[in-house]
Amino acid sequence: MAKKRNHQRPESKPKDDGALLLADALGEDVLSKLKIAKEELTQVEAKAEEARKELAIKEKKEREANKSFAELLDEYEGKTRNY
């Protein structure tokens, strides 16, 4: 027999309308600086990801160009076996 699992859901606390938000406590100038920093970080990450993709493509092309005759023959024979 399988044991029944007792799943307990955490109770959500009601939001207090009078509570200060982090954005309110920081101020407009600090908040705007954080937003600018976030945008710059996302741009840097996007450029890094694009550079990684380009490097991977370049390495793949180099591997294809440097294949030996035996590797090319094995690859070709593997494709023709399906026919």
N, C-alpha and C. Protein backbone atom coordinates (compact mmCIF):
# COMPACT_ATOMS: atom_id res chain seq x y z
N MET A 1 0.83 -1.18 0.00
CA MET A 1 0.00 0.00 0.00
C MET A 1 0.88 1.25 0.00
N ALA A 2 0.44 2.19 -0.73
CA ALA A 2 1.18 3.44 -0.78
C ALA A 2 0.78 4.32 0.39
N LYS A 3 1.77 4.99 0.92
CA LYS A 3 1.49 5.89 2.03
C LYS A 3 0.92 7.20 1.49
N LYS A 4 -0.02 7.72 2.21
CA LYS A 4 -0.57 9.00 1.81
C LYS A 4 0.34 10.10 2.32
N ARG A 5 0.62 11.01 1.45
CA ARG A 5 1.47 12.12 1.83
C ARG A 5 0.61 13.30 2.24
N ASN A 6 0.99 13.89 3.29
CA ASN A 6 0.26 15.05 3.80
C ASN A 6 0.97 16.31 3.29
N HIS A 7 0.40 16.92 2.28
CA HIS A 7 0.98 18.13 1.71
C HIS A 7 0.42 19.34 2.45
N GLN A 8 1.33 20.11 2.98
CA GLN A 8 0.90 21.33 3.64
C GLN A 8 1.30 22.51 2.77
N ARG A 9 0.38 23.37 2.55
CA ARG A 9 0.66 24.56 1.76
C ARG A 9 0.96 25.71 2.70
N PRO A 10 2.01 26.45 2.39
CA PRO A 10 2.31 27.59 3.25
C PRO A 10 1.22 28.65 3.09
N GLU A 11 0.84 29.18 4.20
CA GLU A 11 -0.21 30.20 4.17
C GLU A 11 0.39 31.52 3.72
N SER A 12 -0.25 32.17 2.79
CA SER A 12 0.23 33.46 2.33
C SER A 12 -0.19 34.52 3.32
N LYS A 13 0.74 35.37 3.64
CA LYS A 13 0.45 36.44 4.59
C LYS A 13 -0.21 37.59 3.84
N PRO A 14 -1.23 38.15 4.39
CA PRO A 14 -1.87 39.27 3.73
C PRO A 14 -0.93 40.47 3.70
N LYS A 15 -0.95 41.19 2.57
CA LYS A 15 -0.08 42.35 2.42
C LYS A 15 -0.63 43.51 3.24
N ASP A 16 0.27 44.21 3.85
CA ASP A 16 -0.10 45.39 4.61
C ASP A 16 -0.02 46.58 3.67
N ASP A 17 -1.12 47.26 3.47
CA ASP A 17 -1.16 48.38 2.53
C ASP A 17 -0.27 49.53 2.97
N GLY A 18 -0.02 49.65 4.24
CA GLY A 18 0.79 50.75 4.74
C GLY A 18 2.27 50.43 4.76
N ALA A 19 2.69 49.25 4.31
CA ALA A 19 4.10 48.86 4.35
C ALA A 19 4.89 49.61 3.29
N LEU A 20 6.12 49.92 3.63
CA LEU A 20 7.01 50.59 2.69
C LEU A 20 7.59 49.56 1.73
N LEU A 21 7.67 49.92 0.49
CA LEU A 21 8.33 49.08 -0.50
C LEU A 21 9.80 49.46 -0.55
N LEU A 22 10.60 48.57 -1.06
CA LEU A 22 12.03 48.84 -1.18
C LEU A 22 12.26 50.04 -2.09
N ALA A 23 11.49 50.13 -3.14
CA ALA A 23 11.63 51.26 -4.07
C ALA A 23 11.34 52.58 -3.36
N ASP A 24 10.38 52.59 -2.46
CA ASP A 24 10.06 53.80 -1.72
C ASP A 24 11.20 54.18 -0.78
N ALA A 25 11.80 53.19 -0.15
CA ALA A 25 12.85 53.46 0.82
C ALA A 25 14.14 53.92 0.15
N LEU A 26 14.42 53.45 -1.05
CA LEU A 26 15.67 53.79 -1.72
C LEU A 26 15.68 55.21 -2.27
N GLY A 27 14.62 55.62 -2.81
CA GLY A 27 14.59 56.93 -3.42
C GLY A 27 14.70 56.82 -4.93
N GLU A 28 14.28 57.86 -5.61
CA GLU A 28 14.24 57.85 -7.08
C GLU A 28 15.63 57.78 -7.71
N ASP A 29 16.60 58.53 -7.19
CA ASP A 29 17.92 58.55 -7.81
C ASP A 29 18.62 57.20 -7.71
N VAL A 30 18.54 56.56 -6.56
CA VAL A 30 19.17 55.26 -6.39
C VAL A 30 18.45 54.21 -7.23
N LEU A 31 17.14 54.30 -7.30
CA LEU A 31 16.36 53.36 -8.09
C LEU A 31 16.69 53.48 -9.58
N SER A 32 16.83 54.71 -10.05
CA SER A 32 17.17 54.90 -11.46
C SER A 32 18.57 54.38 -11.76
N LYS A 33 19.51 54.58 -10.82
CA LYS A 33 20.87 54.05 -11.02
C LYS A 33 20.86 52.53 -11.07
N LEU A 34 20.04 51.91 -10.23
CA LEU A 34 19.94 50.45 -10.25
C LEU A 34 19.35 49.95 -11.56
N LYS A 35 18.35 50.64 -12.07
CA LYS A 35 17.75 50.24 -13.35
C LYS A 35 18.76 50.35 -14.48
N ILE A 36 19.56 51.43 -14.48
CA ILE A 36 20.58 51.61 -15.51
C ILE A 36 21.63 50.51 -15.40
N ALA A 37 22.04 50.19 -14.19
CA ALA A 37 23.02 49.13 -13.98
C ALA A 37 22.48 47.78 -14.45
N LYS A 38 21.20 47.53 -14.22
CA LYS A 38 20.58 46.28 -14.66
C LYS A 38 20.58 46.20 -16.18
N GLU A 39 20.24 47.29 -16.85
CA GLU A 39 20.24 47.30 -18.31
C GLU A 39 21.63 47.06 -18.86
N GLU A 40 22.63 47.69 -18.26
CA GLU A 40 24.01 47.50 -18.71
C GLU A 40 24.45 46.05 -18.52
N LEU A 41 24.06 45.47 -17.40
CA LEU A 41 24.42 44.08 -17.13
C LEU A 41 23.77 43.13 -18.13
N THR A 42 22.52 43.37 -18.47
CA THR A 42 21.86 42.50 -19.46
C THR A 42 22.51 42.64 -20.83
N GLN A 43 22.96 43.86 -21.17
CA GLN A 43 23.65 44.06 -22.44
C GLN A 43 24.98 43.32 -22.45
N VAL A 44 25.72 43.39 -21.35
CA VAL A 44 27.01 42.69 -21.26
C VAL A 44 26.80 41.19 -21.36
N GLU A 45 25.78 40.67 -20.69
CA GLU A 45 25.50 39.24 -20.75
C GLU A 45 25.10 38.81 -22.16
N ALA A 46 24.34 39.64 -22.85
CA ALA A 46 23.93 39.31 -24.22
C ALA A 46 25.14 39.28 -25.15
N LYS A 47 26.05 40.23 -24.98
CA LYS A 47 27.26 40.26 -25.81
C LYS A 47 28.13 39.04 -25.52
N ALA A 48 28.23 38.67 -24.25
CA ALA A 48 29.04 37.50 -23.89
C ALA A 48 28.44 36.23 -24.47
N GLU A 49 27.12 36.10 -24.42
CA GLU A 49 26.46 34.92 -24.99
C GLU A 49 26.66 34.86 -26.50
N GLU A 50 26.58 35.99 -27.16
CA GLU A 50 26.79 36.03 -28.61
C GLU A 50 28.23 35.64 -28.93
N ALA A 51 29.19 36.12 -28.14
CA ALA A 51 30.58 35.78 -28.36
C ALA A 51 30.81 34.28 -28.16
N ARG A 52 30.16 33.69 -27.15
CA ARG A 52 30.29 32.24 -26.94
C ARG A 52 29.74 31.46 -28.13
N LYS A 53 28.60 31.91 -28.66
CA LYS A 53 28.02 31.22 -29.81
C LYS A 53 28.92 31.32 -31.03
N GLU A 54 29.48 32.51 -31.27
CA GLU A 54 30.39 32.68 -32.41
C GLU A 54 31.63 31.82 -32.26
N LEU A 55 32.16 31.73 -31.04
CA LEU A 55 33.33 30.90 -30.80
C LEU A 55 33.01 29.43 -31.04
N ALA A 56 31.84 28.99 -30.61
CA ALA A 56 31.45 27.59 -30.82
C ALA A 56 31.32 27.29 -32.31
N ILE A 57 30.75 28.21 -33.07
CA ILE A 57 30.62 28.02 -34.52
C ILE A 57 31.99 27.96 -35.18
N LYS A 58 32.88 28.85 -34.74
CA LYS A 58 34.23 28.88 -35.30
C LYS A 58 34.98 27.58 -35.00
N GLU A 59 34.86 27.09 -33.76
CA GLU A 59 35.52 25.84 -33.40
C GLU A 59 34.95 24.66 -34.18
N LYS A 60 33.65 24.65 -34.41
CA LYS A 60 33.03 23.57 -35.18
C LYS A 60 33.55 23.58 -36.61
N LYS A 61 33.66 24.76 -37.21
CA LYS A 61 34.19 24.86 -38.57
C LYS A 61 35.63 24.39 -38.63
N GLU A 62 36.43 24.74 -37.61
CA GLU A 62 37.82 24.30 -37.59
C GLU A 62 37.92 22.78 -37.46
N ARG A 63 37.07 22.18 -36.63
CA ARG A 63 37.08 20.72 -36.50
C ARG A 63 36.70 20.06 -37.82
N GLU A 64 35.71 20.62 -38.51
CA GLU A 64 35.29 20.07 -39.80
C GLU A 64 36.42 20.17 -40.81
N ALA A 65 37.14 21.29 -40.81
CA ALA A 65 38.21 21.50 -41.78
C ALA A 65 39.41 20.61 -41.49
N ASN A 66 39.62 20.25 -40.25
CA ASN A 66 40.80 19.47 -39.87
C ASN A 66 40.54 17.98 -39.75
N LYS A 67 39.42 17.50 -40.25
CA LYS A 67 39.14 16.07 -40.17
C LYS A 67 40.07 15.31 -41.09
N SER A 68 40.47 14.15 -40.61
CA SER A 68 41.33 13.30 -41.43
C SER A 68 40.47 12.55 -42.45
N PHE A 69 41.16 11.92 -43.41
CA PHE A 69 40.45 11.15 -44.43
C PHE A 69 39.67 10.01 -43.79
N ALA A 70 40.25 9.37 -42.79
CA ALA A 70 39.58 8.24 -42.13
C ALA A 70 38.30 8.71 -41.44
N GLU A 71 38.34 9.86 -40.79
CA GLU A 71 37.15 10.38 -40.13
C GLU A 71 36.06 10.73 -41.15
N LEU A 72 36.47 11.33 -42.26
CA LEU A 72 35.50 11.66 -43.31
C LEU A 72 34.89 10.39 -43.91
N LEU A 73 35.72 9.35 -44.11
CA LEU A 73 35.24 8.10 -44.67
C LEU A 73 34.26 7.41 -43.71
N ASP A 74 34.60 7.40 -42.43
CA ASP A 74 33.70 6.80 -41.43
C ASP A 74 32.37 7.53 -41.41
N GLU A 75 32.42 8.85 -41.49
CA GLU A 75 31.19 9.64 -41.47
C GLU A 75 30.34 9.37 -42.72
N TYR A 76 30.99 9.25 -43.85
CA TYR A 76 30.27 8.99 -45.10
C TYR A 76 29.66 7.60 -45.10
N GLU A 77 30.41 6.61 -44.63
CA GLU A 77 29.90 5.24 -44.60
C GLU A 77 28.73 5.12 -43.63
N GLY A 78 28.76 5.86 -42.56
CA GLY A 78 27.66 5.83 -41.60
C GLY A 78 26.37 6.35 -42.22
N LYS A 79 26.47 7.31 -43.10
CA LYS A 79 25.27 7.88 -43.73
C LYS A 79 24.71 6.96 -44.80
N THR A 80 25.57 6.21 -45.48
CA THR A 80 25.09 5.37 -46.58
C THR A 80 24.53 4.05 -46.08
N ARG A 81 24.80 3.67 -44.86
CA ARG A 81 24.30 2.40 -44.34
C ARG A 81 22.78 2.41 -44.19
N ASN A 82 22.19 3.56 -44.08
CA ASN A 82 20.75 3.67 -43.92
C ASN A 82 20.01 3.36 -45.21
N TYR A 83 20.70 3.41 -46.34
CA TYR A 83 20.03 3.20 -47.62
C TYR A 83 20.16 1.77 -47.97
